[in-house]
Amino acid sequence: MEGIGGDNGAGAAPVNQFWHDVSRRFQYFLDKTTPHAVYRWIGSFVVVLIYILRVCYIQGFYIISYGLGIYLLNLLIGFLSPLVDPEMELSDGALLPTKGSDEFKPFIRRLPEFKFWYSFTKAFCIAFVMTFFSMFDVPVFWPILLCYWIVLFVLTMRRQIAHMIKYKYIPFNTGKQKYGGKKSYASSSGSRGD
């Protein structure tokens, strides 16, 4: 009896080692792409374009696209939401500032940009692979799915924007003040012509 259990463990060790090495190498490349956000998103939009071309060429798999759209909407809400929702948690911890006199607290996302990008790209890759299996090609009238998704998107984003206005936070860096550092007085006094 002991010999049977021992053989399974010995046979599985090289397979486990192989998958461990593959996952480490994959994580290494993911870590290397972290500072290159623009290139990551360009690559993701190439994957999106390939998926769209495949769905348009086949003229099917609309239910996959609808499910993908719902998942991406969920990711977007997580990306636009603060880590600590002031509406849900009434704590003494780090809440968003609501008055001009409040101390500055940086906006921390519930879903960071890198995880948003990774989940976004992975979702499109999985959806692309699913288009190769006919069992996922459920016949549906796609304009109804599209209209329903648009209504869902508008209602969800309206609620999210109302939340942003109520608690006065902007999840993007555009239009925010930036620290310019100390101004040098030596350069202004040295430019005199006396």
Protein backbone atom coordinates (compact mmCIF):
# COMPACT_ATOMS: atom_id res chain seq x y z
CA MET A 1 0.00 0.00 0.00
CA GLU A 2 2.79 2.44 0.79
CA GLY A 3 4.39 1.82 -2.61
CA ILE A 4 1.31 2.94 -4.48
CA GLY A 5 1.11 6.31 -2.68
CA GLY A 6 4.86 6.84 -3.05
CA ASP A 7 4.76 6.38 -6.83
CA ASN A 8 2.12 9.06 -7.30
CA GLY A 9 4.13 11.59 -5.27
CA ALA A 10 7.34 10.86 -7.20
CA GLY A 11 5.59 11.18 -10.58
CA ALA A 12 3.89 14.44 -9.69
CA ALA A 13 7.06 16.16 -8.43
CA PRO A 14 8.52 16.98 -11.88
CA VAL A 15 5.13 18.24 -13.08
CA ASN A 16 4.76 20.44 -10.00
CA GLN A 17 8.30 21.73 -10.45
CA PHE A 18 7.61 22.53 -14.11
CA TRP A 19 4.44 24.53 -13.29
CA HIS A 20 6.23 26.27 -10.43
CA ASP A 21 9.03 27.33 -12.81
CA VAL A 22 6.54 28.49 -15.44
CA SER A 23 4.58 30.55 -12.90
CA ARG A 24 7.79 32.12 -11.55
CA ARG A 25 8.95 33.07 -15.05
CA PHE A 26 5.49 34.49 -15.88
CA GLN A 27 5.50 36.51 -12.64
CA TYR A 28 9.00 37.78 -13.48
CA PHE A 29 7.79 39.13 -16.82
CA LEU A 30 4.69 40.65 -15.21
CA ASP A 31 6.92 42.41 -12.68
CA LYS A 32 9.12 43.75 -15.48
CA THR A 33 6.07 45.30 -17.22
CA THR A 34 4.81 47.12 -14.12
CA PRO A 35 6.46 50.52 -14.79
CA HIS A 36 5.51 50.49 -18.50
CA ALA A 37 1.79 51.28 -18.26
CA VAL A 38 1.44 52.81 -21.74
CA TYR A 39 2.99 49.80 -23.48
CA ARG A 40 0.90 47.39 -21.39
CA TRP A 41 -2.31 49.14 -22.41
CA ILE A 42 -1.26 49.29 -26.06
CA GLY A 43 -0.72 45.52 -25.97
CA SER A 44 -4.09 45.05 -24.31
CA PHE A 45 -5.86 47.07 -26.97
CA VAL A 46 -4.20 44.94 -29.64
CA VAL A 47 -5.70 41.89 -27.88
CA VAL A 48 -9.09 43.68 -27.76
CA LEU A 49 -8.86 44.45 -31.50
CA ILE A 50 -8.06 40.81 -32.29
CA TYR A 51 -11.04 39.67 -30.19
CA ILE A 52 -13.39 42.15 -31.89
CA LEU A 53 -12.20 41.10 -35.35
CA ARG A 54 -12.73 37.43 -34.45
CA VAL A 55 -16.28 38.01 -33.15
CA CYS A 56 -17.18 40.16 -36.18
CA TYR A 57 -15.70 37.65 -38.62
CA ILE A 58 -17.51 34.67 -37.05
CA GLN A 59 -20.68 36.71 -36.36
CA GLY A 60 -21.37 34.81 -33.19
CA PHE A 61 -20.40 34.40 -29.55
CA TYR A 62 -22.40 37.48 -28.56
CA ILE A 63 -23.26 35.98 -25.19
CA ILE A 64 -19.52 35.70 -24.48
CA SER A 65 -19.12 39.37 -25.38
CA TYR A 66 -22.04 40.32 -23.15
CA GLY A 67 -20.57 38.42 -20.20
CA LEU A 68 -17.21 40.04 -20.92
CA GLY A 69 -18.86 43.47 -20.93
CA ILE A 70 -20.50 42.85 -17.55
CA TYR A 71 -17.18 41.68 -16.10
CA LEU A 72 -15.36 44.74 -17.49
CA LEU A 73 -18.04 47.01 -16.01
CA ASN A 74 -17.45 45.38 -12.63
CA LEU A 75 -13.68 45.95 -13.00
CA LEU A 76 -14.25 49.59 -13.96
CA ILE A 77 -16.38 50.20 -10.87
CA GLY A 78 -13.64 48.69 -8.70
CA PHE A 79 -11.06 50.87 -10.45
CA LEU A 80 -13.07 54.07 -9.89
CA SER A 81 -14.00 53.31 -6.28
CA PRO A 82 -11.93 54.28 -3.24
CA LEU A 83 -10.45 51.54 -1.08
CA VAL A 84 -12.34 52.80 1.96
CA ASP A 85 -15.88 53.68 0.97
CA PRO A 86 -17.04 56.53 3.22
CA GLU A 87 -20.64 55.45 2.73
CA MET A 88 -20.03 51.91 4.00
CA GLU A 89 -17.47 52.37 6.76
CA LEU A 90 -17.93 54.97 9.45
CA SER A 91 -14.55 54.64 11.09
CA ASP A 92 -11.92 56.95 12.52
CA GLY A 93 -9.42 55.73 9.92
CA ALA A 94 -8.33 57.24 6.63
CA LEU A 95 -11.45 58.59 4.96
CA LEU A 96 -11.58 60.89 1.97
CA PRO A 97 -11.37 64.60 2.82
CA THR A 98 -14.77 66.29 2.48
CA LYS A 99 -13.85 69.90 3.33
CA GLY A 100 -11.11 72.18 2.13
CA SER A 101 -9.68 72.36 5.65
CA ASP A 102 -9.37 68.57 5.95
CA GLU A 103 -5.95 66.98 5.75
CA PHE A 104 -4.96 65.75 2.30
CA LYS A 105 -5.36 62.01 1.86
CA PRO A 106 -4.37 60.43 -1.45
CA PHE A 107 -6.96 58.54 -3.45
CA ILE A 108 -6.32 54.83 -3.03
CA ARG A 109 -8.23 52.64 -5.45
CA ARG A 110 -10.09 49.51 -4.47
CA LEU A 111 -8.65 47.90 -7.62
CA PRO A 112 -5.15 49.20 -8.48
CA GLU A 113 -4.27 50.03 -12.09
CA PHE A 114 -1.97 47.03 -12.56
CA LYS A 115 -4.57 44.55 -11.32
CA PHE A 116 -7.19 46.30 -13.44
CA TRP A 117 -4.99 45.95 -16.53
CA TYR A 118 -4.12 42.34 -15.75
CA SER A 119 -7.75 41.31 -15.20
CA PHE A 120 -8.84 43.26 -18.28
CA THR A 121 -6.29 41.56 -20.53
CA LYS A 122 -6.84 38.12 -19.02
CA ALA A 123 -10.60 38.43 -19.56
CA PHE A 124 -10.15 39.20 -23.24
CA CYS A 125 -7.70 36.32 -23.66
CA ILE A 126 -10.12 33.88 -22.00
CA ALA A 127 -13.02 35.20 -24.11
CA PHE A 128 -10.88 34.81 -27.25
CA VAL A 129 -10.13 31.18 -26.41
CA MET A 130 -13.82 30.56 -25.72
CA THR A 131 -14.65 31.62 -29.29
CA PHE A 132 -12.98 28.44 -30.54
CA PHE A 133 -15.58 26.22 -28.84
CA SER A 134 -19.00 26.05 -30.50
CA MET A 135 -20.78 25.13 -27.26
CA PHE A 136 -20.37 28.78 -26.14
CA ASP A 137 -22.02 30.11 -29.30
CA VAL A 138 -25.53 30.46 -27.92
CA PRO A 139 -27.91 31.97 -30.50
CA VAL A 140 -29.18 35.31 -29.15
CA PHE A 141 -30.52 38.51 -30.64
CA TRP A 142 -27.48 40.66 -30.00
CA PRO A 143 -29.11 44.14 -30.29
CA ILE A 144 -31.17 43.40 -27.17
CA LEU A 145 -28.04 42.38 -25.25
CA LEU A 146 -26.27 45.52 -26.43
CA CYS A 147 -29.17 47.79 -25.40
CA TYR A 148 -29.42 46.11 -22.02
CA TRP A 149 -25.67 46.48 -21.44
CA ILE A 150 -25.78 50.18 -22.39
CA VAL A 151 -28.66 50.80 -19.97
CA LEU A 152 -26.78 48.92 -17.25
CA PHE A 153 -23.60 50.90 -17.97
CA VAL A 154 -25.40 54.27 -17.88
CA LEU A 155 -27.23 53.50 -14.63
CA THR A 156 -24.12 52.14 -12.92
CA MET A 157 -21.90 55.02 -14.00
CA ARG A 158 -24.53 57.58 -13.01
CA ARG A 159 -24.56 56.10 -9.52
CA GLN A 160 -20.75 56.05 -9.42
CA ILE A 161 -20.46 59.67 -10.57
CA ALA A 162 -23.06 60.72 -7.99
CA HIS A 163 -20.94 58.96 -5.34
CA MET A 164 -17.83 60.84 -6.55
CA ILE A 165 -19.65 64.16 -6.36
CA LYS A 166 -21.15 63.44 -2.94
CA TYR A 167 -17.80 62.54 -1.36
CA LYS A 168 -15.73 64.96 -3.50
CA TYR A 169 -13.09 62.66 -4.93
CA ILE A 170 -11.58 62.39 -8.39
CA PRO A 171 -10.01 59.03 -9.27
CA PHE A 172 -7.72 60.53 -11.91
CA ASN A 173 -4.65 62.76 -11.70
CA THR A 174 -5.77 65.29 -14.32
CA GLY A 175 -6.66 68.69 -12.92
CA LYS A 176 -5.13 68.05 -9.50
CA GLN A 177 -2.51 70.31 -8.00
CA LYS A 178 1.03 69.04 -8.09
CA TYR A 179 3.81 69.85 -5.69
CA GLY A 180 6.45 71.86 -7.50
CA GLY A 181 9.11 71.84 -4.78
CA LYS A 182 10.74 74.85 -3.12
CA LYS A 183 11.27 77.90 -5.28
CA SER A 184 14.85 79.07 -5.47
CA TYR A 185 15.34 82.72 -4.58
CA ALA A 186 18.97 82.72 -5.71
CA SER A 187 18.01 82.35 -9.36
CA SER A 188 15.61 85.33 -9.23
CA SER A 189 18.16 87.62 -7.50
CA GLY A 190 20.97 86.55 -9.82
CA SER A 191 19.03 87.60 -12.91
CA ARG A 192 19.15 91.30 -11.96
CA GLY A 193 21.16 93.60 -14.13
CA ASP A 194 22.54 95.86 -11.28
